N, C-alpha and C. Protein backbone atom coordinates (compact mmCIF):
# COMPACT_ATOMS: atom_id res chain seq x y z
N MET A 1 85.82 49.01 100.85
CA MET A 1 86.01 49.42 99.51
C MET A 1 85.00 48.92 98.62
N LYS A 2 84.41 47.71 98.88
CA LYS A 2 83.33 47.13 98.09
C LYS A 2 82.12 48.00 98.13
N THR A 3 81.80 48.61 99.25
CA THR A 3 80.65 49.32 99.38
C THR A 3 80.71 50.70 98.63
N LEU A 4 81.99 51.29 98.71
CA LEU A 4 82.15 52.40 97.90
C LEU A 4 82.08 52.08 96.46
N TYR A 5 82.49 50.87 95.97
CA TYR A 5 82.38 50.51 94.56
C TYR A 5 80.91 50.38 94.14
N ASN A 6 80.18 49.69 95.12
CA ASN A 6 78.79 49.41 94.85
C ASN A 6 77.90 50.82 94.77
N LYS A 7 78.39 51.68 95.78
CA LYS A 7 77.62 53.14 95.54
C LYS A 7 78.00 53.92 94.21
N PHE A 8 79.25 53.54 93.86
CA PHE A 8 79.61 54.22 92.68
C PHE A 8 78.91 53.68 91.43
N CYS A 9 78.71 52.36 91.45
CA CYS A 9 77.96 51.67 90.38
C CYS A 9 76.49 52.29 90.23
N TRP A 10 75.92 52.33 91.30
CA TRP A 10 74.45 52.84 91.39
C TRP A 10 74.48 54.31 90.90
N LEU A 11 75.59 55.05 91.40
CA LEU A 11 75.64 56.47 91.00
C LEU A 11 75.89 56.59 89.46
N ALA A 12 76.68 55.85 89.00
CA ALA A 12 76.96 55.87 87.51
C ALA A 12 75.73 55.44 86.71
N LEU A 13 75.04 54.48 87.14
CA LEU A 13 73.82 54.07 86.43
C LEU A 13 72.81 55.27 86.58
N GLY A 14 72.63 55.88 87.68
CA GLY A 14 71.82 57.07 87.71
C GLY A 14 72.21 58.16 86.83
N LEU A 15 73.45 58.41 86.81
CA LEU A 15 73.94 59.50 86.02
C LEU A 15 73.84 59.30 84.59
N LEU A 16 73.91 58.01 84.24
CA LEU A 16 73.70 57.74 82.74
C LEU A 16 72.21 58.05 82.28
N LEU A 17 71.35 57.88 83.31
CA LEU A 17 70.00 58.22 83.08
C LEU A 17 69.59 59.71 83.10
N VAL A 18 70.48 60.43 83.65
CA VAL A 18 70.38 61.77 83.74
C VAL A 18 70.40 62.58 82.30
N ALA A 19 71.22 62.14 81.36
CA ALA A 19 71.54 62.82 80.20
C ALA A 19 70.25 63.04 79.26
N ALA A 20 69.42 61.96 79.15
CA ALA A 20 68.31 61.87 78.24
C ALA A 20 67.13 63.01 78.82
N PRO A 21 66.69 62.90 79.95
CA PRO A 21 65.76 63.86 80.30
C PRO A 21 66.29 65.25 80.42
N ALA A 22 67.49 65.38 80.68
CA ALA A 22 68.12 66.85 80.88
C ALA A 22 67.93 67.53 79.60
N CYS A 23 67.76 67.00 78.34
CA CYS A 23 67.64 67.68 77.24
C CYS A 23 66.46 68.58 77.16
N SER A 24 65.34 68.26 77.99
CA SER A 24 64.14 69.14 77.90
C SER A 24 64.37 70.34 78.69
N ALA A 25 65.40 70.46 79.66
CA ALA A 25 65.68 71.62 80.51
C ALA A 25 66.35 72.72 79.70
N LYS A 26 66.34 73.92 80.16
CA LYS A 26 67.16 74.94 79.52
C LYS A 26 68.48 74.91 79.83
N PHE A 27 69.40 75.21 79.02
CA PHE A 27 70.83 75.33 79.38
C PHE A 27 71.08 76.27 80.48
N ASP A 28 72.12 75.87 81.30
CA ASP A 28 72.20 76.66 82.66
C ASP A 28 73.76 76.87 82.68
N LYS A 29 74.18 78.09 82.22
CA LYS A 29 75.69 78.32 82.32
C LYS A 29 76.15 78.33 83.75
N THR A 30 75.48 78.57 84.76
CA THR A 30 75.88 78.53 86.07
C THR A 30 76.07 77.13 86.53
N GLY A 31 75.39 76.12 86.10
CA GLY A 31 75.43 74.72 86.46
C GLY A 31 76.61 74.29 85.75
N LEU A 32 76.89 74.53 84.49
CA LEU A 32 78.11 74.27 83.83
C LEU A 32 79.32 74.67 84.50
N ASP A 33 79.29 76.01 84.94
CA ASP A 33 80.54 76.59 85.59
C ASP A 33 80.74 75.91 86.91
N ASN A 34 79.56 75.50 87.57
CA ASN A 34 79.82 74.84 88.92
C ASN A 34 80.58 73.53 88.72
N VAL A 35 80.23 72.76 87.62
CA VAL A 35 80.85 71.43 87.36
C VAL A 35 82.28 71.66 86.97
N THR A 36 82.47 72.66 86.08
CA THR A 36 83.87 72.86 85.84
C THR A 36 84.86 73.23 86.76
N ASN A 37 84.34 74.33 87.71
CA ASN A 37 85.01 74.68 88.79
C ASN A 37 85.33 73.66 89.94
N LEU A 38 84.34 72.86 90.14
CA LEU A 38 84.42 71.90 91.18
C LEU A 38 85.17 70.60 90.73
N SER A 39 85.30 70.34 89.45
CA SER A 39 86.00 69.31 88.92
C SER A 39 87.44 69.41 89.31
N THR A 40 87.93 70.60 89.15
CA THR A 40 89.31 70.91 89.39
C THR A 40 89.64 71.11 90.87
N ALA A 41 88.68 71.73 91.50
CA ALA A 41 88.92 72.01 93.00
C ALA A 41 88.76 70.72 93.93
N LEU A 42 87.76 69.89 93.51
CA LEU A 42 87.79 68.61 94.18
C LEU A 42 88.80 67.70 93.93
N SER A 43 89.20 67.61 92.72
CA SER A 43 90.35 66.72 92.41
C SER A 43 91.64 67.14 93.09
N ASP A 44 91.80 68.36 93.01
CA ASP A 44 93.11 68.90 93.74
C ASP A 44 92.97 68.55 95.20
N LEU A 45 91.90 68.84 95.82
CA LEU A 45 91.73 68.76 97.27
C LEU A 45 91.79 67.30 97.66
N MET A 46 91.16 66.41 96.88
CA MET A 46 91.13 64.96 97.25
C MET A 46 92.52 64.37 97.15
N GLY A 47 93.25 64.99 96.00
CA GLY A 47 94.72 64.47 95.87
C GLY A 47 95.56 64.74 97.18
N LYS A 48 95.16 65.88 97.81
CA LYS A 48 96.15 66.06 99.01
C LYS A 48 95.81 65.23 100.25
N ALA A 49 94.82 64.50 100.20
CA ALA A 49 94.52 63.58 101.36
C ALA A 49 95.46 62.46 101.57
N ALA A 50 96.30 62.11 100.58
CA ALA A 50 97.44 61.13 100.66
C ALA A 50 98.77 61.73 101.12
N THR A 51 98.90 63.15 101.15
CA THR A 51 100.02 63.79 101.44
C THR A 51 99.95 64.89 102.57
N SER A 52 98.69 65.11 102.95
CA SER A 52 98.60 66.15 103.88
C SER A 52 97.45 65.85 104.84
N LYS A 53 97.61 66.31 106.06
CA LYS A 53 96.62 65.93 107.07
C LYS A 53 95.30 66.72 106.86
N PHE A 54 94.22 66.18 107.29
CA PHE A 54 92.92 66.91 107.15
C PHE A 54 93.03 68.26 107.86
N SER A 55 93.51 68.41 108.89
CA SER A 55 93.51 69.65 109.74
C SER A 55 94.22 70.75 108.89
N ALA A 56 95.31 70.30 108.15
CA ALA A 56 96.12 71.32 107.39
C ALA A 56 95.35 71.88 106.28
N GLN A 57 94.36 71.22 105.80
CA GLN A 57 93.50 71.57 104.64
C GLN A 57 92.23 72.19 104.98
N SER A 58 92.01 72.39 106.29
CA SER A 58 90.61 72.79 106.76
C SER A 58 90.02 73.97 105.99
N ASP A 59 90.80 74.99 105.58
CA ASP A 59 90.20 76.10 104.89
C ASP A 59 89.94 75.74 103.52
N ALA A 60 90.68 74.98 102.89
CA ALA A 60 90.35 74.56 101.51
C ALA A 60 89.06 73.65 101.54
N ILE A 61 89.15 72.74 102.45
CA ILE A 61 87.92 71.76 102.63
C ILE A 61 86.57 72.57 102.88
N LYS A 62 86.79 73.59 103.67
CA LYS A 62 85.45 74.41 103.97
C LYS A 62 85.05 75.18 102.71
N LYS A 63 86.07 75.57 101.96
CA LYS A 63 85.73 76.37 100.71
C LYS A 63 85.05 75.42 99.65
N VAL A 64 85.69 74.30 99.44
CA VAL A 64 85.19 73.33 98.42
C VAL A 64 83.82 72.82 98.88
N SER A 65 83.59 72.46 100.18
CA SER A 65 82.37 72.06 100.56
C SER A 65 81.26 73.05 100.53
N ALA A 66 81.68 74.32 100.74
CA ALA A 66 80.59 75.41 100.58
C ALA A 66 80.24 75.53 99.05
N ASP A 67 81.30 75.41 98.16
CA ASP A 67 80.98 75.55 96.69
C ASP A 67 80.14 74.35 96.30
N LEU A 68 80.41 73.21 96.84
CA LEU A 68 79.67 72.02 96.47
C LEU A 68 78.21 72.14 97.07
N ASP A 69 78.09 72.82 98.26
CA ASP A 69 76.69 72.92 98.74
C ASP A 69 75.96 73.95 97.78
N LYS A 70 76.50 74.90 97.44
CA LYS A 70 75.96 75.92 96.49
C LYS A 70 75.71 75.34 95.06
N ALA A 71 76.46 74.58 94.59
CA ALA A 71 76.11 73.76 93.35
C ALA A 71 74.85 72.89 93.43
N VAL A 72 74.92 72.16 94.59
CA VAL A 72 73.77 71.23 94.81
C VAL A 72 72.38 72.12 95.01
N GLN A 73 72.51 73.21 95.78
CA GLN A 73 71.28 73.99 95.84
C GLN A 73 70.95 74.77 94.62
N HIS A 74 71.88 75.15 93.80
CA HIS A 74 71.60 75.72 92.50
C HIS A 74 70.81 74.78 91.65
N ALA A 75 71.32 73.48 91.53
CA ALA A 75 70.69 72.57 90.57
C ALA A 75 69.34 72.18 91.00
N ALA A 76 69.21 72.08 92.48
CA ALA A 76 67.85 71.89 93.01
C ALA A 76 66.87 72.98 92.75
N GLY A 77 67.25 74.16 92.68
CA GLY A 77 66.35 75.31 92.49
C GLY A 77 65.96 75.51 91.02
N LYS A 78 66.67 74.76 90.04
CA LYS A 78 66.20 75.04 88.51
C LYS A 78 64.96 74.04 88.26
N LYS A 79 64.15 74.60 87.33
CA LYS A 79 62.94 73.81 86.84
C LYS A 79 63.47 72.81 85.83
N LYS A 80 62.77 71.73 85.87
CA LYS A 80 63.11 70.67 84.97
C LYS A 80 64.58 70.20 85.05
N ASN A 81 65.01 69.99 86.34
CA ASN A 81 66.49 69.70 86.57
C ASN A 81 66.58 68.64 87.65
N LYS A 82 65.48 67.97 87.80
CA LYS A 82 65.44 67.05 88.98
C LYS A 82 66.46 65.98 89.01
N GLU A 83 66.66 65.31 87.78
CA GLU A 83 67.74 64.35 87.59
C GLU A 83 69.22 64.89 87.83
N VAL A 84 69.47 66.08 87.29
CA VAL A 84 70.78 66.60 87.64
C VAL A 84 70.88 67.01 89.03
N ALA A 85 69.96 67.54 89.56
CA ALA A 85 69.91 67.84 91.03
C ALA A 85 70.26 66.55 91.91
N GLU A 86 69.52 65.57 91.53
CA GLU A 86 69.66 64.36 92.28
C GLU A 86 71.01 63.81 92.10
N ALA A 87 71.64 64.01 90.92
CA ALA A 87 73.08 63.56 90.73
C ALA A 87 74.05 64.28 91.59
N TRP A 88 73.74 65.52 91.60
CA TRP A 88 74.60 66.46 92.44
C TRP A 88 74.62 65.92 93.95
N LYS A 89 73.30 65.75 94.46
CA LYS A 89 73.11 65.50 95.84
C LYS A 89 73.78 64.07 96.07
N THR A 90 73.57 63.10 95.19
CA THR A 90 74.11 61.80 95.28
C THR A 90 75.67 61.79 95.31
N MET A 91 76.20 62.53 94.56
CA MET A 91 77.65 62.59 94.48
C MET A 91 78.03 63.20 95.80
N GLN A 92 77.51 64.31 96.30
CA GLN A 92 77.82 64.97 97.54
C GLN A 92 77.72 63.90 98.64
N ASN A 93 76.58 63.34 98.88
CA ASN A 93 76.25 62.38 100.00
C ASN A 93 76.91 61.05 100.00
N ASP A 94 77.08 60.37 98.73
CA ASP A 94 77.55 59.17 98.63
C ASP A 94 79.14 58.96 98.43
N LEU A 95 79.73 60.14 97.93
CA LEU A 95 81.12 60.13 97.53
C LEU A 95 81.92 61.08 98.21
N VAL A 96 81.60 62.45 98.07
CA VAL A 96 82.45 63.46 98.68
C VAL A 96 82.43 63.39 100.14
N ASN A 97 81.19 63.51 100.81
CA ASN A 97 81.09 63.68 102.22
C ASN A 97 81.64 62.38 102.86
N PRO A 98 81.49 61.22 102.43
CA PRO A 98 82.14 59.99 103.08
C PRO A 98 83.70 60.15 103.02
N PHE A 99 84.17 60.56 101.89
CA PHE A 99 85.57 60.68 101.53
C PHE A 99 86.19 61.70 102.70
N LEU A 100 85.60 62.85 102.88
CA LEU A 100 85.94 63.88 103.74
C LEU A 100 85.89 63.40 105.22
N ASP A 101 84.92 62.64 105.47
CA ASP A 101 84.69 62.09 106.87
C ASP A 101 85.73 61.14 107.07
N ARG A 102 86.12 60.31 106.25
CA ARG A 102 87.22 59.20 106.43
C ARG A 102 88.45 60.02 106.57
N TRP A 103 88.72 60.94 105.70
CA TRP A 103 89.92 61.85 105.87
C TRP A 103 90.13 62.43 107.22
N LYS A 104 89.17 62.98 107.68
CA LYS A 104 89.04 63.59 108.98
C LYS A 104 89.26 62.64 110.05
N GLU A 105 88.67 61.50 110.02
CA GLU A 105 88.82 60.34 110.97
C GLU A 105 90.24 59.81 110.96
N LYS A 106 90.87 59.57 109.82
CA LYS A 106 92.20 58.92 109.59
C LYS A 106 93.30 59.91 109.62
N GLY A 107 93.15 61.25 109.39
CA GLY A 107 94.07 62.23 109.35
C GLY A 107 94.72 62.26 107.89
N MET A 108 95.07 61.15 107.41
CA MET A 108 95.64 61.03 106.03
C MET A 108 95.19 59.75 105.42
N LEU A 109 95.09 59.65 104.08
CA LEU A 109 94.51 58.47 103.47
C LEU A 109 95.51 57.70 102.56
N ASP A 110 95.37 56.54 102.32
CA ASP A 110 96.21 55.53 101.42
C ASP A 110 96.04 56.25 100.00
N LYS A 111 97.13 56.32 99.45
CA LYS A 111 97.24 56.82 97.93
C LYS A 111 96.22 56.14 96.96
N ASP A 112 96.12 54.81 97.17
CA ASP A 112 95.35 54.03 96.21
C ASP A 112 93.86 54.31 96.53
N PHE A 113 93.43 54.59 97.69
CA PHE A 113 92.25 54.85 98.09
C PHE A 113 91.71 56.20 97.60
N VAL A 114 92.72 57.13 97.78
CA VAL A 114 92.47 58.42 97.08
C VAL A 114 92.30 58.45 95.63
N LYS A 115 93.19 57.70 95.00
CA LYS A 115 93.20 57.69 93.60
C LYS A 115 91.87 57.01 93.01
N GLU A 116 91.36 56.00 93.66
CA GLU A 116 90.00 55.51 93.31
C GLU A 116 88.84 56.42 93.59
N SER A 117 88.92 56.95 94.76
CA SER A 117 87.85 57.94 95.13
C SER A 117 87.79 59.05 94.24
N THR A 118 88.98 59.65 93.98
CA THR A 118 89.01 60.89 93.04
C THR A 118 88.53 60.44 91.62
N ALA A 119 88.84 59.23 91.28
CA ALA A 119 88.33 58.89 89.83
C ALA A 119 86.97 58.74 89.85
N GLN A 120 86.33 58.25 91.00
CA GLN A 120 84.92 58.13 91.05
C GLN A 120 84.11 59.51 90.98
N VAL A 121 84.70 60.35 91.75
CA VAL A 121 84.22 61.73 91.87
C VAL A 121 84.19 62.44 90.43
N THR A 122 85.39 62.25 89.79
CA THR A 122 85.60 62.79 88.45
C THR A 122 84.69 62.28 87.46
N LYS A 123 84.49 61.01 87.47
CA LYS A 123 83.44 60.29 86.51
C LYS A 123 82.10 60.88 86.90
N SER A 124 81.69 61.11 88.07
CA SER A 124 80.40 61.54 88.35
C SER A 124 80.18 63.03 87.94
N LEU A 125 81.26 63.82 88.04
CA LEU A 125 81.35 65.30 87.68
C LEU A 125 81.15 65.28 86.03
N ASP A 126 81.99 64.31 85.33
CA ASP A 126 81.92 64.26 83.99
C ASP A 126 80.39 63.95 83.45
N ALA A 127 79.81 63.07 84.10
CA ALA A 127 78.35 62.69 83.81
C ALA A 127 77.49 63.99 83.90
N ILE A 128 77.70 64.71 85.12
CA ILE A 128 76.87 65.87 85.30
C ILE A 128 77.15 66.81 84.20
N LYS A 129 78.38 67.11 83.84
CA LYS A 129 78.80 68.00 82.70
C LYS A 129 78.19 67.59 81.46
N LYS A 130 78.16 66.32 81.14
CA LYS A 130 77.53 65.79 79.92
C LYS A 130 75.97 66.17 79.94
N ALA A 131 75.45 66.00 81.12
CA ALA A 131 73.93 66.34 81.20
C ALA A 131 73.73 67.83 81.11
N GLU A 132 74.58 68.55 81.57
CA GLU A 132 74.48 70.07 81.38
C GLU A 132 74.73 70.49 79.96
N MET A 133 75.63 69.92 79.31
CA MET A 133 75.95 70.20 77.88
C MET A 133 74.87 69.71 76.94
N ALA A 134 74.19 68.70 77.36
CA ALA A 134 73.10 68.14 76.57
C ALA A 134 71.95 69.08 76.50
N LYS A 135 71.84 69.99 77.50
CA LYS A 135 70.80 71.06 77.63
C LYS A 135 71.04 72.14 76.50
N LYS A 136 72.31 72.22 76.23
CA LYS A 136 72.78 73.26 75.30
C LYS A 136 72.34 73.11 73.80
N LYS A 137 71.97 72.03 73.49
CA LYS A 137 71.53 71.58 72.09
C LYS A 137 70.18 71.81 71.82
């Protein structure tokens, strides 16, 4: 749990640095839509890890994972969007994928672990959303 917390701290620090340089990039409605849609989808899916087996959610997991992959690729493909793209990739690789791997391995997860993990992903998505909104100004 401590390593997950340490990863989150580094991710949060990186995401805080995202907002300032993001202002030089053009506003990206698709990027904002990705954040908005995945915020709900990831939160809902992760919440099911405490009440449902991984195998029972395989279709939803595939869909959310595919949507997350698309969001990461979209952010990486935009000019002057390096920091936001890295934030997406870090969230995917350091928070979401390890969570899904653990869920798959264990079948179901402890509700406190799910709650903490979901909060970390939500905070990361909020930071990405703020960076996208900063481009709008």
